[in-house]
N, C-alpha and C. Protein backbone atom coordinates (compact mmCIF):
# COMPACT_ATOMS: atom_id res chain seq x y z
N UNK A 1 44.47 73.30 105.16
CA UNK A 1 45.96 73.04 105.33
C UNK A 1 46.62 73.09 104.06
N UNK A 2 46.21 72.31 103.11
CA UNK A 2 47.46 72.32 101.86
C UNK A 2 47.10 73.64 101.12
N UNK A 3 46.11 74.32 101.06
CA UNK A 3 45.85 75.51 100.71
C UNK A 3 47.09 76.72 101.27
N UNK A 4 46.98 76.47 102.63
CA UNK A 4 48.12 77.35 103.10
C UNK A 4 49.79 77.02 102.72
N UNK A 5 49.82 75.94 102.63
CA UNK A 5 51.04 75.58 102.50
C UNK A 5 51.48 75.83 100.85
N UNK A 6 50.22 75.72 99.87
CA UNK A 6 50.57 76.08 98.46
C UNK A 6 50.97 77.71 98.38
N UNK A 7 49.86 78.60 99.19
CA UNK A 7 50.04 79.94 99.33
C UNK A 7 51.51 80.42 100.01
N UNK A 8 51.95 79.50 101.08
CA UNK A 8 53.13 80.13 101.60
C UNK A 8 54.38 79.68 100.67
N UNK A 9 54.16 78.65 99.73
CA UNK A 9 55.24 78.31 98.62
C UNK A 9 55.44 79.33 97.63
N UNK A 10 54.29 79.66 97.36
CA UNK A 10 54.04 80.72 96.30
C UNK A 10 54.64 82.04 96.65
N UNK A 11 54.63 82.31 97.93
CA UNK A 11 55.25 83.51 98.55
C UNK A 11 56.48 83.55 98.66
N UNK A 12 56.86 82.45 99.13
CA UNK A 12 58.28 82.32 99.29
C UNK A 12 59.23 82.33 97.98
N UNK A 13 58.58 81.59 96.78
CA UNK A 13 59.09 81.80 95.49
C UNK A 13 59.16 83.04 95.02
N UNK A 14 58.01 83.85 95.22
CA UNK A 14 58.13 85.40 94.89
C UNK A 14 58.85 86.01 95.46
N UNK A 15 59.20 85.87 96.72
CA UNK A 15 60.28 86.57 97.71
C UNK A 15 61.68 86.35 97.13
N UNK A 16 61.88 84.94 96.81
CA UNK A 16 63.25 84.38 96.15
C UNK A 16 63.61 85.23 94.61
N UNK A 17 62.38 85.21 94.14
CA UNK A 17 62.76 85.87 92.66
C UNK A 17 62.63 87.33 92.68
N UNK A 18 62.07 88.00 93.78
CA UNK A 18 62.24 89.36 94.08
C UNK A 18 63.65 89.61 94.57
N UNK A 19 64.34 88.61 95.64
CA UNK A 19 65.90 89.06 95.79
C UNK A 19 66.73 88.77 94.87
N UNK A 20 66.60 87.79 93.99
CA UNK A 20 67.35 87.71 92.84
C UNK A 20 67.43 88.81 91.83
N UNK A 21 66.26 89.67 91.59
CA UNK A 21 66.15 91.00 90.74
C UNK A 21 66.87 91.84 91.38
N UNK A 22 66.70 92.07 92.80
CA UNK A 22 67.54 93.10 93.59
C UNK A 22 69.11 92.84 93.62
N UNK A 23 69.53 91.33 93.86
CA UNK A 23 70.94 91.14 93.45
C UNK A 23 71.45 91.70 92.30
N UNK A 24 70.84 91.21 91.28
CA UNK A 24 71.20 91.62 89.82
C UNK A 24 71.36 93.30 89.48
N UNK A 25 70.35 93.69 90.07
CA UNK A 25 70.28 95.29 89.91
C UNK A 25 71.54 95.80 90.68
N UNK A 26 71.77 95.30 91.76
CA UNK A 26 73.06 95.76 92.87
C UNK A 26 74.30 95.42 92.10
N UNK A 27 74.41 94.32 91.22
CA UNK A 27 75.43 93.66 90.63
C UNK A 27 75.83 94.63 89.59
N UNK A 28 74.58 95.09 88.69
CA UNK A 28 74.83 96.02 87.79
C UNK A 28 75.24 97.38 88.12
N UNK A 29 74.72 97.93 89.07
CA UNK A 29 75.18 99.40 89.90
C UNK A 29 76.65 99.27 90.25
N UNK A 30 76.90 98.01 90.75
CA UNK A 30 78.45 98.00 91.25
C UNK A 30 79.39 98.02 89.95
N UNK A 31 79.16 97.36 88.75
CA UNK A 31 79.72 97.46 87.50
C UNK A 31 79.81 98.93 87.07
N UNK A 32 78.61 99.64 87.18
CA UNK A 32 78.70 100.66 86.81
C UNK A 32 79.69 101.96 87.26
N UNK A 33 79.66 101.78 88.91
CA UNK A 33 80.53 102.41 89.62
C UNK A 33 81.64 102.06 89.46
N UNK A 34 82.24 100.61 89.15
CA UNK A 34 83.79 100.42 88.79
C UNK A 34 84.05 101.06 87.67
N UNK A 35 83.15 101.01 86.48
CA UNK A 35 83.63 101.83 85.28
C UNK A 35 83.71 103.24 85.43
N UNK A 36 83.16 104.19 86.61
CA UNK A 36 83.50 105.68 86.68
C UNK A 36 84.63 105.86 87.64
N UNK A 37 85.17 104.84 88.30
CA UNK A 37 86.48 104.98 88.99
C UNK A 37 87.45 105.25 88.43
N UNK A 38 88.22 106.20 88.51
CA UNK A 38 89.53 106.72 87.61
C UNK A 38 90.58 105.73 88.52
N UNK A 39 91.70 105.42 87.57
CA UNK A 39 92.58 104.55 88.06
C UNK A 39 93.52 105.66 89.05
N UNK A 40 94.06 105.28 89.93
CA UNK A 40 94.70 106.27 90.84
C UNK A 40 96.10 106.31 90.74
N UNK A 41 96.85 105.17 90.06
CA UNK A 41 98.04 105.00 90.09
C UNK A 41 98.87 105.10 91.34
N UNK A 42 100.22 105.12 91.15
CA UNK A 42 101.23 105.03 92.18
C UNK A 42 100.90 105.86 93.35
N UNK A 43 100.73 105.58 94.56
CA UNK A 43 100.30 106.53 95.69
C UNK A 43 101.83 107.36 96.00
N UNK A 44 101.65 108.80 95.87
CA UNK A 44 102.87 109.37 96.11
C UNK A 44 103.21 109.71 97.88
N UNK A 45 103.92 109.29 98.40
CA UNK A 45 104.15 109.20 99.87
C UNK A 45 105.10 110.23 100.30
N UNK A 46 105.94 110.59 99.56
CA UNK A 46 107.21 111.31 99.82
C UNK A 46 107.07 112.63 100.27
N UNK A 47 107.47 113.19 101.34
CA UNK A 47 107.16 114.73 101.87
C UNK A 47 108.34 115.58 101.30
N UNK A 48 109.55 114.91 101.40
CA UNK A 48 110.76 115.71 101.14
C UNK A 48 111.11 115.93 99.71
N UNK A 49 111.10 115.06 98.84
CA UNK A 49 111.46 115.04 97.62
C UNK A 49 110.13 115.14 96.66
N UNK A 50 110.14 116.43 95.86
CA UNK A 50 108.92 116.75 95.09
C UNK A 50 109.36 116.61 93.58
N UNK A 51 108.31 116.57 92.76
CA UNK A 51 108.64 116.41 91.33
C UNK A 51 109.30 117.81 90.78
N UNK A 52 110.16 117.73 90.10
CA UNK A 52 110.65 119.07 89.55
C UNK A 52 112.12 119.19 90.50
N UNK A 53 112.08 118.98 91.58
CA UNK A 53 113.46 119.30 92.27
C UNK A 53 114.67 118.41 91.94
N UNK A 54 115.67 118.85 92.22
CA UNK A 54 116.90 118.21 91.96
C UNK A 54 117.00 116.65 92.84
N UNK A 55 117.29 115.92 91.97
CA UNK A 55 117.50 114.52 92.87
C UNK A 55 118.58 114.47 93.47
N UNK A 56 118.77 113.91 94.69
CA UNK A 56 120.02 114.06 95.44
C UNK A 56 121.07 113.31 94.84
N UNK A 57 122.23 113.56 94.87
CA UNK A 57 123.21 112.93 93.89
C UNK A 57 124.28 112.15 94.77
N UNK A 58 124.30 111.03 94.11
CA UNK A 58 125.00 109.90 94.95
C UNK A 58 126.14 109.06 93.88
N UNK A 59 127.25 108.63 94.36
CA UNK A 59 128.13 107.81 93.52
C UNK A 59 128.53 106.87 94.50
N UNK A 60 127.78 105.58 94.13
CA UNK A 60 128.00 104.60 94.90
C UNK A 60 128.40 103.31 93.98
N UNK A 61 129.13 102.20 94.76
CA UNK A 61 129.14 100.94 94.34
C UNK A 61 127.94 100.04 94.32
N UNK A 62 127.94 99.42 92.91
CA UNK A 62 126.80 98.37 92.70
C UNK A 62 127.26 97.02 93.29
N UNK A 63 126.35 96.45 94.18
CA UNK A 63 126.44 95.02 94.40
C UNK A 63 126.83 93.99 93.09
N UNK A 64 126.18 94.56 92.23
CA UNK A 64 126.51 93.55 90.77
C UNK A 64 127.39 94.23 90.09
N UNK A 65 128.34 95.09 90.45
CA UNK A 65 129.56 95.33 90.05
C UNK A 65 129.63 96.71 89.32
N UNK A 66 130.62 97.40 89.45
CA UNK A 66 130.98 98.70 88.85
C UNK A 66 130.32 99.93 89.77
N UNK A 67 130.32 101.05 89.46
CA UNK A 67 129.91 102.02 90.52
C UNK A 67 128.51 102.73 89.42
N UNK A 68 127.89 103.55 90.43
CA UNK A 68 126.91 104.02 89.64
C UNK A 68 126.57 105.50 90.43
N UNK A 69 126.25 106.44 89.26
CA UNK A 69 125.85 107.67 89.89
C UNK A 69 124.35 107.88 89.63
N UNK A 70 123.92 108.53 90.72
CA UNK A 70 122.65 108.87 90.84
C UNK A 70 122.36 110.43 91.01
N UNK A 71 121.57 111.21 90.06
CA UNK A 71 121.25 112.53 90.17
C UNK A 71 122.21 113.16 89.32
N UNK A 72 121.90 114.55 88.99
CA UNK A 72 122.63 115.02 87.85
C UNK A 72 122.46 114.60 86.69
N UNK A 73 122.95 115.19 85.29
CA UNK A 73 122.63 115.04 84.08
C UNK A 73 123.14 113.58 83.81
N UNK A 74 122.32 112.53 83.13
CA UNK A 74 122.70 111.49 82.53
C UNK A 74 123.44 111.68 81.49
N UNK A 75 124.47 111.13 81.24
CA UNK A 75 125.28 111.23 80.12
C UNK A 75 124.77 110.58 78.95
N UNK A 76 124.00 109.49 79.03
CA UNK A 76 123.38 108.92 77.94
C UNK A 76 122.04 109.10 77.56
N UNK A 77 121.49 110.38 78.36
CA UNK A 77 120.20 110.96 77.81
C UNK A 77 119.20 110.05 78.64
N UNK A 78 119.46 109.19 79.32
CA UNK A 78 118.36 108.22 80.01
C UNK A 78 117.72 108.63 81.42
N UNK A 79 116.39 108.25 81.58
CA UNK A 79 115.92 108.49 82.86
C UNK A 79 116.25 107.48 83.62
N UNK A 80 116.00 107.78 84.88
CA UNK A 80 116.47 106.49 85.83
C UNK A 80 114.90 106.23 86.79
N UNK A 81 114.97 104.83 86.73
CA UNK A 81 113.84 104.17 87.75
C UNK A 81 114.55 103.90 88.91
N UNK A 82 114.45 104.58 89.87
CA UNK A 82 115.31 103.96 91.36
C UNK A 82 113.98 103.26 92.10
N UNK A 83 114.08 101.83 92.15
CA UNK A 83 113.24 101.07 92.96
C UNK A 83 113.48 100.58 94.07
N UNK A 84 113.07 100.93 95.21
CA UNK A 84 113.31 100.35 96.58
C UNK A 84 112.71 99.24 96.70
N UNK A 85 113.55 98.09 97.19
CA UNK A 85 112.75 97.02 97.49
C UNK A 85 113.59 96.23 98.72
N UNK A 86 113.07 95.31 99.14
CA UNK A 86 113.71 94.33 100.20
C UNK A 86 113.64 92.86 99.73
N UNK A 87 114.59 91.95 100.23
CA UNK A 87 114.64 90.64 100.21
C UNK A 87 113.27 89.81 100.71
N UNK A 88 112.69 90.54 101.82
CA UNK A 88 111.91 89.98 102.63
C UNK A 88 110.44 90.60 102.21
N UNK A 89 110.49 91.54 101.21
CA UNK A 89 109.13 91.97 100.89
C UNK A 89 108.55 91.25 99.97
N UNK A 90 107.24 90.50 100.03
CA UNK A 90 106.70 89.82 99.04
C UNK A 90 106.10 90.45 97.93
N UNK A 91 105.72 91.63 98.02
CA UNK A 91 105.18 92.31 96.80
C UNK A 91 106.37 92.71 96.06
N UNK A 92 107.41 92.96 96.49
CA UNK A 92 108.55 93.32 95.77
C UNK A 92 109.06 92.32 94.84
N UNK A 93 109.13 90.98 95.38
CA UNK A 93 109.21 89.72 94.56
C UNK A 93 108.47 89.54 93.59
N UNK A 94 107.09 89.85 93.46
CA UNK A 94 106.06 89.81 92.42
C UNK A 94 106.50 90.76 91.49
N UNK A 95 106.86 91.96 91.76
CA UNK A 95 107.24 92.85 90.66
C UNK A 95 108.47 92.81 89.90
N UNK A 96 109.24 91.90 90.60
CA UNK A 96 110.67 91.70 89.53
C UNK A 96 110.38 91.23 87.92
N UNK A 97 109.43 90.54 87.76
CA UNK A 97 109.33 90.25 86.27
C UNK A 97 108.78 91.46 85.61
N UNK A 98 108.14 92.47 86.14
CA UNK A 98 107.57 93.51 85.82
C UNK A 98 108.63 94.58 85.62
N UNK A 99 109.47 94.51 86.49
CA UNK A 99 110.98 95.45 86.24
C UNK A 99 111.85 94.90 84.93
N UNK A 100 111.95 93.58 84.97
CA UNK A 100 112.63 93.17 83.94
C UNK A 100 111.95 93.40 82.49
N UNK A 101 110.73 93.15 82.39
CA UNK A 101 110.19 93.45 81.15
C UNK A 101 110.08 95.01 80.82
N UNK A 102 110.02 95.99 82.03
CA UNK A 102 110.11 97.43 81.83
C UNK A 102 111.63 97.65 81.30
N UNK A 103 112.64 97.00 81.82
CA UNK A 103 113.85 97.02 81.61
C UNK A 103 114.09 96.86 79.87
N UNK A 104 113.44 95.83 79.66
CA UNK A 104 113.79 95.36 78.38
C UNK A 104 112.88 96.22 77.27
N UNK A 105 111.62 96.75 77.59
CA UNK A 105 110.85 97.38 76.60
C UNK A 105 111.20 98.68 76.63
N UNK A 106 111.82 99.39 77.85
CA UNK A 106 111.98 100.86 77.74
C UNK A 106 113.46 101.14 77.66
N UNK A 107 114.23 100.21 77.26
CA UNK A 107 115.57 100.40 77.44
C UNK A 107 116.21 101.83 76.72
N UNK A 108 115.67 101.96 75.77
CA UNK A 108 116.06 103.16 75.02
C UNK A 108 116.11 104.31 75.73
N UNK A 109 115.14 104.48 76.78
CA UNK A 109 115.16 105.63 77.24
C UNK A 109 115.44 105.85 79.02
N UNK A 110 115.27 104.55 79.38
CA UNK A 110 115.09 104.21 80.86
C UNK A 110 116.43 103.10 81.23
N UNK A 111 116.77 103.47 82.25
CA UNK A 111 117.73 102.58 83.13
C UNK A 111 116.99 102.33 84.50
N UNK A 112 116.96 101.00 84.91
CA UNK A 112 116.37 100.51 86.14
C UNK A 112 117.24 100.27 87.18
N UNK A 113 117.23 101.09 88.53
CA UNK A 113 118.44 100.67 89.33
C UNK A 113 117.65 100.06 90.74
N UNK A 114 118.05 99.24 91.33
CA UNK A 114 117.25 98.56 92.43
C UNK A 114 118.25 99.21 93.56
N UNK A 115 117.45 99.47 94.90
CA UNK A 115 118.13 99.98 95.88
C UNK A 115 117.64 99.26 97.03
N UNK A 116 118.28 99.06 98.06
CA UNK A 116 117.92 98.39 99.45
C UNK A 116 118.85 98.82 100.64
N UNK A 117 118.67 98.33 101.55
CA UNK A 117 119.43 98.42 102.73
C UNK A 117 119.55 97.06 103.57
N UNK A 118 120.63 96.63 104.37
CA UNK A 118 120.37 95.61 105.31
C UNK A 118 121.80 94.87 105.04
N UNK A 119 121.77 93.75 105.21
CA UNK A 119 122.61 92.69 105.42
C UNK A 119 123.33 92.41 104.01
N UNK A 120 124.52 92.80 103.65
CA UNK A 120 124.84 92.75 102.37
C UNK A 120 125.00 91.05 101.68
N UNK A 121 125.29 90.11 102.67
CA UNK A 121 125.26 88.85 102.35
C UNK A 121 123.71 88.46 101.86
N UNK A 122 122.81 88.93 102.69
CA UNK A 122 121.42 88.36 102.43
C UNK A 122 120.97 89.19 100.94
N UNK A 123 121.50 90.31 100.86
CA UNK A 123 121.23 90.89 99.47
C UNK A 123 121.90 90.40 98.34
N UNK A 124 123.18 89.76 98.55
CA UNK A 124 123.93 88.80 97.52
C UNK A 124 123.04 87.71 97.12
N UNK A 125 122.66 87.05 98.25
CA UNK A 125 121.81 85.76 98.17
C UNK A 125 120.69 86.21 97.14
N UNK A 126 119.94 87.21 97.60
CA UNK A 126 118.57 87.65 96.98
C UNK A 126 119.22 87.79 95.45
N UNK A 127 120.10 88.53 95.06
CA UNK A 127 120.40 88.87 93.69
C UNK A 127 120.50 87.59 93.07
N UNK A 128 121.46 86.49 93.71
CA UNK A 128 121.51 85.35 92.90
C UNK A 128 120.17 84.65 92.75
N UNK A 129 119.41 84.35 93.64
CA UNK A 129 117.98 83.87 93.67
C UNK A 129 117.24 84.22 92.55
N UNK A 130 117.03 85.57 92.44
CA UNK A 130 116.33 86.27 91.75
C UNK A 130 116.67 86.70 90.46
N UNK A 131 118.12 86.16 90.08
CA UNK A 131 118.69 86.66 88.92
C UNK A 131 118.76 88.04 88.64
N UNK A 132 119.21 88.95 89.58
CA UNK A 132 119.10 90.39 89.20
C UNK A 132 120.38 90.92 88.82
N UNK A 133 121.13 90.06 88.25
CA UNK A 133 122.60 90.53 87.72
C UNK A 133 122.47 91.69 86.91
N UNK A 134 121.40 91.86 86.05
CA UNK A 134 121.22 92.64 84.97
C UNK A 134 120.95 94.21 85.44
N UNK A 135 120.69 94.28 86.72
CA UNK A 135 120.50 95.59 87.34
C UNK A 135 121.60 95.97 88.13
N UNK A 136 121.64 97.50 88.14
CA UNK A 136 122.63 97.85 89.27
C UNK A 136 121.89 97.81 90.38
N UNK A 137 122.53 97.46 91.56
CA UNK A 137 122.04 97.23 92.78
C UNK A 137 122.56 98.04 93.96
N UNK A 138 122.08 99.00 94.59
CA UNK A 138 122.73 99.79 95.69
C UNK A 138 122.34 99.25 96.99
N UNK A 139 123.00 99.23 97.74
CA UNK A 139 122.96 98.75 99.20
C UNK A 139 123.53 100.05 99.94
N UNK A 140 122.50 100.86 100.35
CA UNK A 140 122.67 102.03 101.01
C UNK A 140 121.49 102.68 101.78
N UNK A 141 121.69 102.70 103.06
CA UNK A 141 120.63 103.36 103.92
C UNK A 141 120.56 104.83 103.63
N UNK A 142 121.56 105.44 103.05
CA UNK A 142 121.47 106.93 102.93
C UNK A 142 120.58 107.11 101.83
N UNK A 143 120.50 106.40 100.77
CA UNK A 143 119.84 106.74 99.53
C UNK A 143 118.07 106.50 100.14
N UNK A 144 117.76 105.67 100.69
CA UNK A 144 116.44 105.52 101.32
C UNK A 144 116.04 106.81 102.16
N UNK A 145 117.09 107.22 102.90
CA UNK A 145 116.48 108.44 103.91
C UNK A 145 116.69 109.69 103.23
N UNK A 146 117.43 109.68 102.07
CA UNK A 146 117.30 110.92 101.15
C UNK A 146 115.89 111.03 100.60
N UNK A 147 115.40 110.20 100.20
CA UNK A 147 114.04 109.96 99.79
C UNK A 147 112.89 109.87 100.63
N UNK A 148 113.41 109.57 102.01
CA UNK A 148 112.33 109.29 102.88
C UNK A 148 111.67 108.16 102.66
N UNK A 149 112.05 107.09 102.21
CA UNK A 149 111.28 106.03 101.81
C UNK A 149 110.83 105.05 103.25
N UNK A 150 109.51 105.11 103.34
CA UNK A 150 109.00 104.63 104.42
C UNK A 150 107.90 103.10 104.08
N UNK A 151 107.71 102.95 103.18
CA UNK A 151 107.07 101.82 102.57
C UNK A 151 107.46 101.10 101.54
N UNK A 152 107.46 99.74 101.34
CA UNK A 152 107.91 99.32 99.97
C UNK A 152 107.02 98.33 99.59
N UNK A 153 106.92 98.28 98.16
CA UNK A 153 108.05 98.80 97.16
C UNK A 153 107.61 100.14 96.89
N UNK A 154 108.70 100.96 96.54
CA UNK A 154 108.62 102.52 96.37
C UNK A 154 109.45 102.78 95.00
N UNK A 155 108.95 103.74 94.05
CA UNK A 155 109.74 104.08 93.00
C UNK A 155 110.08 105.43 92.65
N UNK A 156 111.28 105.89 92.31
CA UNK A 156 111.36 107.47 92.03
C UNK A 156 111.81 107.48 90.70
N UNK A 157 111.19 108.23 89.93
CA UNK A 157 111.51 108.29 88.43
C UNK A 157 112.35 109.54 88.34
N UNK A 158 113.57 109.36 88.00
CA UNK A 158 114.44 110.83 87.79
C UNK A 158 114.86 110.86 86.22
N UNK A 159 114.52 111.99 85.86
CA UNK A 159 114.75 112.40 84.54
C UNK A 159 116.21 112.48 83.68
N UNK A 160 116.28 112.66 82.82
CA UNK A 160 117.83 112.69 82.38
C UNK A 160 118.33 113.95 82.62
N UNK A 161 117.92 114.92 82.91
CA UNK A 161 118.61 116.23 83.65
C UNK A 161 118.61 116.10 85.06
N UNK A 162 118.32 115.12 85.93
CA UNK A 162 118.51 114.90 87.35
C UNK A 162 117.61 115.36 87.98
N UNK A 163 116.53 115.60 87.65
CA UNK A 163 115.07 116.12 88.45
C UNK A 163 114.26 114.84 88.59
N UNK A 164 113.55 114.91 89.95
CA UNK A 164 112.51 113.89 90.00
C UNK A 164 111.51 114.27 89.25
N UNK A 165 111.13 113.22 88.64
CA UNK A 165 109.82 113.34 87.59
C UNK A 165 108.61 112.82 88.30
N UNK A 166 108.68 111.70 88.78
CA UNK A 166 107.57 111.26 89.73
C UNK A 166 107.96 110.17 90.77
N UNK A 167 107.00 109.81 91.48
CA UNK A 167 107.41 108.89 92.75
C UNK A 167 106.06 108.30 93.21
N UNK A 168 106.18 107.06 93.75
CA UNK A 168 104.94 106.61 94.39
C UNK A 168 105.27 105.09 94.87
N UNK A 169 104.47 104.58 95.59
CA UNK A 169 104.20 103.42 96.00
C UNK A 169 103.78 102.45 95.16
N UNK A 170 104.63 101.59 94.62
CA UNK A 170 104.41 100.64 93.38
C UNK A 170 103.75 98.93 93.85
N UNK A 171 102.54 98.71 93.55
CA UNK A 171 102.07 97.41 94.11
C UNK A 171 101.72 96.62 92.64
N UNK A 172 101.70 97.28 91.37
CA UNK A 172 101.14 96.64 90.30
C UNK A 172 102.00 97.13 89.16
N UNK A 173 101.70 96.61 88.05
CA UNK A 173 102.49 96.71 86.78
C UNK A 173 101.51 98.46 86.33
N UNK A 174 100.55 98.58 86.82
CA UNK A 174 99.59 99.55 86.42
C UNK A 174 100.29 100.92 87.35
N UNK A 175 100.69 100.73 88.47
CA UNK A 175 101.20 101.73 89.35
C UNK A 175 102.71 101.98 88.61
N UNK A 176 103.30 101.08 88.20
CA UNK A 176 104.56 101.55 87.43
C UNK A 176 104.32 102.19 86.32
N UNK A 177 103.55 101.93 85.36
CA UNK A 177 103.08 102.55 84.19
C UNK A 177 102.56 103.87 84.44
N UNK A 178 101.95 104.24 85.68
CA UNK A 178 101.48 105.42 86.01
C UNK A 178 102.55 106.39 86.30
N UNK A 179 103.87 105.96 86.75
CA UNK A 179 104.62 106.85 86.94
C UNK A 179 105.47 107.45 85.58
N UNK A 180 105.42 106.55 84.55
CA UNK A 180 105.87 106.65 83.11
C UNK A 180 104.80 107.90 82.73
N UNK A 181 103.54 107.66 82.49
CA UNK A 181 102.56 108.34 82.15
C UNK A 181 102.51 109.68 82.99
N UNK A 182 102.93 109.80 84.21
CA UNK A 182 102.80 111.15 85.05
C UNK A 182 104.04 111.95 84.37
N UNK A 183 105.28 111.32 84.33
CA UNK A 183 106.58 112.10 83.68
C UNK A 183 106.04 112.42 82.36
N UNK A 184 105.35 111.64 81.35
CA UNK A 184 105.13 112.25 80.27
C UNK A 184 104.03 113.58 80.08
N UNK A 185 103.01 113.31 81.09
CA UNK A 185 102.18 114.48 81.03
C UNK A 185 102.65 115.94 82.01
N UNK A 186 103.82 115.74 82.63
CA UNK A 186 104.42 116.73 83.25
C UNK A 186 103.72 116.87 85.00
N UNK A 187 103.40 115.83 85.39
CA UNK A 187 103.04 115.70 86.66
C UNK A 187 103.58 114.92 87.54
N UNK A 188 103.60 114.80 88.75
CA UNK A 188 104.59 114.08 89.53
C UNK A 188 103.84 112.86 90.01
N UNK A 189 102.33 112.81 89.85
CA UNK A 189 101.48 111.61 90.10
C UNK A 189 100.28 111.76 89.39
N UNK A 190 99.74 110.53 89.35
CA UNK A 190 98.37 110.59 88.56
C UNK A 190 97.17 111.33 89.19
N UNK A 191 97.60 111.15 90.94
CA UNK A 191 96.60 111.94 91.39
C UNK A 191 96.54 113.31 91.25
N UNK A 192 97.98 114.17 91.16
CA UNK A 192 98.00 115.38 90.72
C UNK A 192 97.63 115.81 89.52
N UNK A 193 97.47 115.07 88.60
CA UNK A 193 96.87 115.08 87.26
C UNK A 193 95.47 115.16 87.37
N UNK A 194 94.82 114.17 87.92
CA UNK A 194 93.24 114.21 88.14
C UNK A 194 92.90 115.40 88.84
N UNK A 195 93.61 115.82 90.02
CA UNK A 195 93.22 117.26 90.82
C UNK A 195 93.40 118.21 89.84
N UNK A 196 94.46 118.67 88.96
CA UNK A 196 94.55 119.56 88.19
C UNK A 196 93.38 119.78 86.96
N UNK A 197 92.90 118.47 86.84
CA UNK A 197 91.63 118.40 85.66
C UNK A 197 90.44 118.06 86.22
N UNK A 198 90.07 118.30 87.64
CA UNK A 198 88.83 118.16 88.01
C UNK A 198 88.11 119.37 88.07
């Protein structure tokens, strides 16, 4: 009887060690697959506006003061990052420090413009609560409709000549950086770059 117990314990331990080796092998394979996956960047969802096309022109007041022109040649030679957000979007709020950082680091060639629609008082409270006074802030449903924005947060990068350089859904700093990278490479999105080089 004890011999059967000893044999079953030995077999159980061998099975456990075998399973442990299988789990380690699978973990290694997952790591290798993760290294092979290319970064996808910001997901481009826009159907109407494509890279290289003229950006729709708007001349609108900013909730943070002054008037703002979108589209057309930028007098300062700067590109414009048009970032669509909402006070009720939790991902948008997590990206605000990223936008502030991008505004500070890329100031020489980039201006960041925030755009939303909805209740003006709610937007003004959002601007105060999140300290967004440094950004031009557009409140216009027409701008969102012109770019056919269906999901938030979404960004459109407009070059200094007033053409759409890149656009996409932004959920992380890497997605935002992928728009800048796509512009430098001359593609509307990282996905388009990968498709051209596959």
